[in-house]
Amino acid sequence: YVFEEYRGNRMSNAAWARLIRAHRDDLVTADPGGGGLRNVGDFRAAGFRMRCAAKGPGSVAYSMQWLQSRRQIVIDPARCPHTAREFTEYEYARDSRTGEVLEGYPDGNNHHIDAVRYATEQIWKRKGQ
C-alpha cells in the first residue's frame, strides 16, 4: 500500500527533515547516490532512523521483478498522484527501429518507483518471499 508521498527538487537536507519530521522514528531507506552517506549522516544527526539502500549488481532487476510479481500494488491516487502516474506509465524501452522490447529497466521518470523499491528492500532481499 502506498498512501503518502513526498516530492521536492533541490531541497536542502534541513528542509527535507522539516517536511518528513513525522517519520523521524520510522526506518527510512534512502538512495545512496548523490552524496548519500553524507545525506544519511545529516538525517541521523537530526534524529532520523535512516540507512542507505544496498545497491549492487542485479538489485534493480531483482527488486523490479519482485514488484511485478505482487498480486496487487495499491496506490492512493488522491494522496499519491505522482506515484500512481509513474506506476501506470512506466514502460520497457523499445528498439526505435524494430519496436522490440529491450532488456533491462529504463532509468527515467521512476523516482517514486525507486522509493517503493527502497522502502520494500528489507522484504524483497529475503529472496523467495
N, C-alpha and C. Protein backbone atom coordinates (compact mmCIF):
# COMPACT_ATOMS: atom_id res chain seq x y z
N TYR A 1 0.84 -1.18 0.00
CA TYR A 1 0.00 0.00 0.00
C TYR A 1 0.88 1.23 0.00
N VAL A 2 0.58 2.17 -0.90
CA VAL A 2 1.27 3.45 -0.93
C VAL A 2 0.21 4.50 -0.65
N PHE A 3 0.37 5.20 0.47
CA PHE A 3 -0.67 6.15 0.88
C PHE A 3 -0.10 7.52 1.23
N GLU A 4 1.20 7.71 0.96
CA GLU A 4 1.81 9.01 1.26
C GLU A 4 3.02 9.18 0.37
N GLU A 5 3.19 10.38 -0.17
CA GLU A 5 4.37 10.65 -0.98
C GLU A 5 4.89 12.05 -0.67
N TYR A 6 6.19 12.18 -0.83
CA TYR A 6 6.84 13.48 -0.67
C TYR A 6 7.62 13.72 -1.95
N ARG A 7 7.73 14.97 -2.31
CA ARG A 7 8.38 15.30 -3.56
C ARG A 7 9.01 16.68 -3.44
N GLY A 8 10.20 16.83 -3.98
CA GLY A 8 10.87 18.12 -3.95
C GLY A 8 12.04 18.12 -4.91
N ASN A 9 12.52 19.30 -5.19
CA ASN A 9 13.64 19.43 -6.11
C ASN A 9 14.63 20.44 -5.53
N ARG A 10 15.86 20.02 -5.45
CA ARG A 10 16.93 20.89 -4.95
C ARG A 10 16.65 21.43 -3.54
N MET A 11 16.11 20.57 -2.71
CA MET A 11 15.83 20.96 -1.32
C MET A 11 17.01 20.59 -0.44
N SER A 12 17.27 21.40 0.54
CA SER A 12 18.35 21.10 1.48
C SER A 12 17.91 19.95 2.39
N ASN A 13 18.88 19.30 2.99
CA ASN A 13 18.55 18.23 3.94
C ASN A 13 17.74 18.77 5.10
N ALA A 14 18.02 19.99 5.53
CA ALA A 14 17.27 20.60 6.64
C ALA A 14 15.80 20.79 6.24
N ALA A 15 15.56 21.23 5.01
CA ALA A 15 14.18 21.41 4.53
C ALA A 15 13.46 20.07 4.45
N TRP A 16 14.17 19.04 3.96
CA TRP A 16 13.57 17.71 3.90
C TRP A 16 13.26 17.20 5.31
N ALA A 17 14.17 17.42 6.24
CA ALA A 17 13.97 16.96 7.61
C ALA A 17 12.71 17.60 8.21
N ARG A 18 12.50 18.88 7.93
CA ARG A 18 11.28 19.54 8.42
C ARG A 18 10.04 18.93 7.77
N LEU A 19 10.14 18.64 6.47
CA LEU A 19 9.00 18.10 5.73
C LEU A 19 8.59 16.72 6.22
N ILE A 20 9.57 15.89 6.51
CA ILE A 20 9.26 14.50 6.89
C ILE A 20 9.44 14.22 8.38
N ARG A 21 9.43 15.26 9.20
CA ARG A 21 9.70 15.10 10.64
C ARG A 21 8.76 14.10 11.32
N ALA A 22 7.55 13.93 10.80
CA ALA A 22 6.62 12.96 11.40
C ALA A 22 7.13 11.53 11.26
N HIS A 23 8.12 11.31 10.39
CA HIS A 23 8.66 9.97 10.17
C HIS A 23 10.02 9.77 10.81
N ARG A 24 10.33 10.61 11.77
CA ARG A 24 11.64 10.55 12.44
C ARG A 24 11.90 9.16 13.04
N ASP A 25 10.88 8.52 13.58
CA ASP A 25 11.08 7.22 14.23
C ASP A 25 10.94 6.03 13.29
N ASP A 26 10.51 6.28 12.05
CA ASP A 26 10.39 5.20 11.06
C ASP A 26 11.76 4.91 10.47
N LEU A 27 11.99 3.66 10.11
CA LEU A 27 13.22 3.34 9.39
C LEU A 27 13.05 3.79 7.95
N VAL A 28 13.88 4.71 7.51
CA VAL A 28 13.82 5.25 6.15
C VAL A 28 15.03 4.72 5.40
N THR A 29 14.80 4.14 4.23
CA THR A 29 15.89 3.67 3.38
C THR A 29 16.05 4.67 2.25
N ALA A 30 17.24 5.24 2.13
CA ALA A 30 17.49 6.32 1.18
C ALA A 30 18.42 5.88 0.07
N ASP A 31 18.30 6.53 -1.06
CA ASP A 31 19.20 6.30 -2.19
C ASP A 31 20.59 6.78 -1.80
N PRO A 32 21.60 5.93 -1.91
CA PRO A 32 22.95 6.36 -1.52
C PRO A 32 23.63 7.25 -2.55
N GLY A 33 23.03 7.43 -3.72
CA GLY A 33 23.62 8.27 -4.76
C GLY A 33 23.59 9.73 -4.38
N GLY A 34 24.37 10.52 -5.08
CA GLY A 34 24.36 11.97 -4.88
C GLY A 34 24.74 12.40 -3.48
N GLY A 35 25.82 11.87 -2.94
CA GLY A 35 26.24 12.26 -1.60
C GLY A 35 25.48 11.52 -0.52
N GLY A 36 24.99 10.32 -0.83
CA GLY A 36 24.13 9.56 0.06
C GLY A 36 24.60 9.39 1.48
N LEU A 37 25.85 8.97 1.68
CA LEU A 37 26.33 8.75 3.04
C LEU A 37 26.33 10.05 3.84
N ARG A 38 26.74 11.14 3.19
CA ARG A 38 26.72 12.44 3.87
C ARG A 38 25.27 12.82 4.20
N ASN A 39 24.37 12.60 3.23
CA ASN A 39 22.96 12.93 3.46
C ASN A 39 22.37 12.09 4.59
N VAL A 40 22.64 10.80 4.58
CA VAL A 40 22.14 9.93 5.65
C VAL A 40 22.70 10.40 6.98
N GLY A 41 23.97 10.77 7.02
CA GLY A 41 24.57 11.30 8.24
C GLY A 41 23.86 12.55 8.74
N ASP A 42 23.48 13.43 7.82
CA ASP A 42 22.75 14.64 8.20
C ASP A 42 21.41 14.28 8.86
N PHE A 43 20.71 13.34 8.27
CA PHE A 43 19.40 12.95 8.82
C PHE A 43 19.56 12.21 10.15
N ARG A 44 20.57 11.39 10.26
CA ARG A 44 20.81 10.72 11.54
C ARG A 44 21.12 11.74 12.62
N ALA A 45 21.91 12.74 12.29
CA ALA A 45 22.24 13.80 13.26
C ALA A 45 20.99 14.57 13.68
N ALA A 46 19.99 14.61 12.79
CA ALA A 46 18.72 15.28 13.11
C ALA A 46 17.74 14.35 13.82
N GLY A 47 18.20 13.14 14.15
CA GLY A 47 17.37 12.22 14.92
C GLY A 47 16.58 11.20 14.12
N PHE A 48 16.83 11.10 12.83
CA PHE A 48 16.10 10.14 11.98
C PHE A 48 16.77 8.77 12.00
N ARG A 49 15.95 7.74 11.86
CA ARG A 49 16.44 6.37 11.65
C ARG A 49 16.54 6.18 10.14
N MET A 50 17.71 6.39 9.58
CA MET A 50 17.88 6.34 8.13
C MET A 50 19.08 5.48 7.79
N ARG A 51 18.95 4.76 6.68
CA ARG A 51 20.03 3.93 6.18
C ARG A 51 20.08 4.03 4.68
N CYS A 52 21.23 3.70 4.10
CA CYS A 52 21.38 3.70 2.64
C CYS A 52 20.82 2.40 2.07
N ALA A 53 20.19 2.50 0.93
CA ALA A 53 19.76 1.32 0.21
C ALA A 53 21.01 0.56 -0.23
N ALA A 54 20.92 -0.75 -0.19
CA ALA A 54 22.03 -1.58 -0.63
C ALA A 54 21.91 -1.77 -2.13
N LYS A 55 22.81 -1.14 -2.85
CA LYS A 55 22.80 -1.28 -4.31
C LYS A 55 23.89 -2.25 -4.70
N GLY A 56 23.68 -2.91 -5.79
CA GLY A 56 24.69 -3.84 -6.26
C GLY A 56 24.22 -4.48 -7.55
N PRO A 57 25.07 -5.31 -8.12
CA PRO A 57 24.71 -5.97 -9.37
C PRO A 57 23.41 -6.75 -9.23
N GLY A 58 22.48 -6.49 -10.11
CA GLY A 58 21.22 -7.24 -10.13
C GLY A 58 20.15 -6.74 -9.19
N SER A 59 20.46 -5.74 -8.36
CA SER A 59 19.47 -5.31 -7.36
C SER A 59 18.26 -4.64 -8.01
N VAL A 60 18.47 -3.86 -9.05
CA VAL A 60 17.34 -3.20 -9.72
C VAL A 60 16.46 -4.26 -10.37
N ALA A 61 17.06 -5.16 -11.13
CA ALA A 61 16.28 -6.19 -11.81
C ALA A 61 15.52 -7.06 -10.81
N TYR A 62 16.19 -7.49 -9.74
CA TYR A 62 15.52 -8.36 -8.78
C TYR A 62 14.36 -7.64 -8.11
N SER A 63 14.59 -6.39 -7.68
CA SER A 63 13.52 -5.67 -6.98
C SER A 63 12.36 -5.33 -7.92
N MET A 64 12.66 -5.00 -9.17
CA MET A 64 11.58 -4.73 -10.13
C MET A 64 10.79 -6.00 -10.42
N GLN A 65 11.47 -7.12 -10.56
CA GLN A 65 10.77 -8.39 -10.78
C GLN A 65 9.93 -8.74 -9.56
N TRP A 66 10.46 -8.46 -8.37
CA TRP A 66 9.69 -8.73 -7.15
C TRP A 66 8.42 -7.88 -7.14
N LEU A 67 8.54 -6.58 -7.46
CA LEU A 67 7.36 -5.72 -7.52
C LEU A 67 6.36 -6.24 -8.55
N GLN A 68 6.85 -6.66 -9.72
CA GLN A 68 5.97 -7.17 -10.77
C GLN A 68 5.27 -8.46 -10.35
N SER A 69 5.86 -9.20 -9.43
CA SER A 69 5.27 -10.47 -9.00
C SER A 69 4.17 -10.29 -7.94
N ARG A 70 4.01 -9.08 -7.43
CA ARG A 70 2.97 -8.83 -6.44
C ARG A 70 1.61 -8.97 -7.12
N ARG A 71 0.70 -9.58 -6.43
CA ARG A 71 -0.66 -9.72 -6.95
C ARG A 71 -1.30 -8.35 -7.15
N GLN A 72 -0.98 -7.43 -6.24
CA GLN A 72 -1.58 -6.11 -6.31
C GLN A 72 -0.68 -5.11 -5.59
N ILE A 73 -0.55 -3.93 -6.16
CA ILE A 73 0.11 -2.80 -5.50
C ILE A 73 -0.96 -1.72 -5.42
N VAL A 74 -1.34 -1.37 -4.22
CA VAL A 74 -2.42 -0.41 -4.02
C VAL A 74 -1.81 0.97 -3.77
N ILE A 75 -2.19 1.93 -4.61
CA ILE A 75 -1.68 3.29 -4.51
C ILE A 75 -2.88 4.23 -4.43
N ASP A 76 -2.91 5.05 -3.40
CA ASP A 76 -3.99 6.03 -3.26
C ASP A 76 -3.70 7.17 -4.26
N PRO A 77 -4.48 7.24 -5.35
CA PRO A 77 -4.19 8.24 -6.38
C PRO A 77 -4.45 9.68 -5.94
N ALA A 78 -5.29 9.88 -4.95
CA ALA A 78 -5.56 11.24 -4.47
C ALA A 78 -4.40 11.75 -3.62
N ARG A 79 -3.85 10.88 -2.78
CA ARG A 79 -2.75 11.29 -1.90
C ARG A 79 -1.38 11.08 -2.52
N CYS A 80 -1.31 10.24 -3.55
CA CYS A 80 -0.03 9.89 -4.18
C CYS A 80 -0.13 9.96 -5.70
N PRO A 81 -0.49 11.11 -6.24
CA PRO A 81 -0.72 11.18 -7.69
C PRO A 81 0.53 10.92 -8.53
N HIS A 82 1.70 11.34 -8.06
CA HIS A 82 2.92 11.16 -8.83
C HIS A 82 3.34 9.69 -8.83
N THR A 83 3.18 9.03 -7.70
CA THR A 83 3.49 7.60 -7.62
C THR A 83 2.54 6.82 -8.51
N ALA A 84 1.26 7.13 -8.43
CA ALA A 84 0.27 6.44 -9.26
C ALA A 84 0.59 6.61 -10.74
N ARG A 85 0.93 7.83 -11.13
CA ARG A 85 1.25 8.09 -12.54
C ARG A 85 2.47 7.30 -12.99
N GLU A 86 3.53 7.29 -12.17
CA GLU A 86 4.73 6.54 -12.55
C GLU A 86 4.43 5.06 -12.72
N PHE A 87 3.73 4.47 -11.78
CA PHE A 87 3.43 3.04 -11.88
C PHE A 87 2.54 2.74 -13.09
N THR A 88 1.67 3.67 -13.44
CA THR A 88 0.77 3.48 -14.58
C THR A 88 1.48 3.66 -15.91
N GLU A 89 2.39 4.62 -15.98
CA GLU A 89 3.01 4.99 -17.26
C GLU A 89 4.35 4.33 -17.52
N TYR A 90 4.96 3.69 -16.52
CA TYR A 90 6.29 3.11 -16.71
C TYR A 90 6.22 1.99 -17.75
N GLU A 91 7.16 2.03 -18.70
CA GLU A 91 7.19 1.03 -19.76
C GLU A 91 8.63 0.60 -20.02
N TYR A 92 8.76 -0.60 -20.55
CA TYR A 92 10.06 -1.05 -21.02
C TYR A 92 10.48 -0.20 -22.21
N ALA A 93 11.77 -0.03 -22.39
CA ALA A 93 12.29 0.68 -23.56
C ALA A 93 12.14 -0.23 -24.77
N ARG A 94 11.97 0.40 -25.92
CA ARG A 94 11.82 -0.35 -27.17
C ARG A 94 12.89 0.10 -28.16
N ASP A 95 13.30 -0.83 -29.01
CA ASP A 95 14.22 -0.53 -30.09
C ASP A 95 13.50 0.39 -31.06
N SER A 96 14.12 1.52 -31.39
CA SER A 96 13.46 2.52 -32.25
C SER A 96 13.23 2.01 -33.67
N ARG A 97 14.04 1.08 -34.13
CA ARG A 97 13.87 0.54 -35.49
C ARG A 97 12.85 -0.58 -35.55
N THR A 98 12.98 -1.53 -34.64
CA THR A 98 12.14 -2.73 -34.73
C THR A 98 10.92 -2.68 -33.82
N GLY A 99 10.97 -1.83 -32.80
CA GLY A 99 9.87 -1.77 -31.85
C GLY A 99 9.91 -2.88 -30.81
N GLU A 100 10.94 -3.72 -30.88
CA GLU A 100 11.05 -4.82 -29.92
C GLU A 100 11.44 -4.28 -28.54
N VAL A 101 10.92 -4.94 -27.53
CA VAL A 101 11.22 -4.56 -26.15
C VAL A 101 12.68 -4.87 -25.85
N LEU A 102 13.37 -3.89 -25.25
CA LEU A 102 14.78 -4.05 -24.89
C LEU A 102 14.89 -4.64 -23.48
N GLU A 103 16.00 -5.29 -23.26
CA GLU A 103 16.26 -5.88 -21.95
C GLU A 103 16.53 -4.79 -20.92
N GLY A 104 16.21 -5.06 -19.68
CA GLY A 104 16.54 -4.13 -18.60
C GLY A 104 15.38 -3.20 -18.29
N TYR A 105 15.63 -2.32 -17.33
CA TYR A 105 14.62 -1.39 -16.84
C TYR A 105 15.09 0.03 -17.06
N PRO A 106 14.32 0.83 -17.81
CA PRO A 106 14.73 2.22 -18.07
C PRO A 106 14.85 3.01 -16.77
N ASP A 107 15.90 3.81 -16.69
CA ASP A 107 16.11 4.63 -15.50
C ASP A 107 15.76 6.07 -15.84
N GLY A 108 14.47 6.35 -15.81
CA GLY A 108 13.99 7.70 -16.08
C GLY A 108 12.53 7.78 -15.71
N ASN A 109 12.12 8.89 -15.13
CA ASN A 109 10.74 9.07 -14.68
C ASN A 109 10.30 7.93 -13.76
N ASN A 110 11.19 7.55 -12.85
CA ASN A 110 10.87 6.44 -11.95
C ASN A 110 11.32 6.71 -10.51
N HIS A 111 11.32 7.96 -10.10
CA HIS A 111 11.77 8.31 -8.75
C HIS A 111 10.88 7.68 -7.68
N HIS A 112 9.59 7.69 -7.89
CA HIS A 112 8.68 7.13 -6.90
C HIS A 112 8.72 5.60 -6.91
N ILE A 113 8.92 5.02 -8.09
CA ILE A 113 9.09 3.56 -8.16
C ILE A 113 10.35 3.18 -7.38
N ASP A 114 11.43 3.94 -7.57
CA ASP A 114 12.65 3.68 -6.80
C ASP A 114 12.38 3.80 -5.30
N ALA A 115 11.62 4.80 -4.90
CA ALA A 115 11.30 4.97 -3.48
C ALA A 115 10.56 3.76 -2.94
N VAL A 116 9.66 3.19 -3.73
CA VAL A 116 8.93 1.99 -3.29
C VAL A 116 9.89 0.80 -3.21
N ARG A 117 10.80 0.70 -4.17
CA ARG A 117 11.80 -0.38 -4.12
C ARG A 117 12.64 -0.26 -2.85
N TYR A 118 13.09 0.97 -2.54
CA TYR A 118 13.90 1.15 -1.34
C TYR A 118 13.09 0.85 -0.08
N ALA A 119 11.86 1.30 -0.04
CA ALA A 119 11.02 1.10 1.15
C ALA A 119 10.74 -0.37 1.40
N THR A 120 10.72 -1.17 0.35
CA THR A 120 10.42 -2.61 0.50
C THR A 120 11.68 -3.48 0.47
N GLU A 121 12.83 -2.84 0.46
CA GLU A 121 14.10 -3.57 0.32
C GLU A 121 14.26 -4.70 1.35
N GLN A 122 13.91 -4.44 2.58
CA GLN A 122 14.11 -5.48 3.61
C GLN A 122 13.20 -6.68 3.39
N ILE A 123 12.16 -6.51 2.58
CA ILE A 123 11.28 -7.64 2.26
C ILE A 123 11.84 -8.41 1.06
N TRP A 124 12.08 -7.70 -0.07
CA TRP A 124 12.49 -8.41 -1.28
C TRP A 124 13.90 -8.97 -1.18
N LYS A 125 14.73 -8.45 -0.28
CA LYS A 125 16.08 -9.00 -0.14
C LYS A 125 16.05 -10.39 0.50
N ARG A 126 14.93 -10.73 1.15
CA ARG A 126 14.76 -12.08 1.66
C ARG A 126 14.25 -12.93 0.50
N LYS A 127 15.14 -13.31 -0.36
CA LYS A 127 14.77 -14.00 -1.60
C LYS A 127 13.80 -15.13 -1.32
N GLY A 128 12.85 -15.27 -2.24
CA GLY A 128 11.85 -16.31 -2.10
C GLY A 128 10.59 -15.84 -1.40
N GLN A 129 10.57 -14.59 -0.94
CA GLN A 129 9.38 -14.07 -0.24
C GLN A 129 8.36 -13.58 -1.22
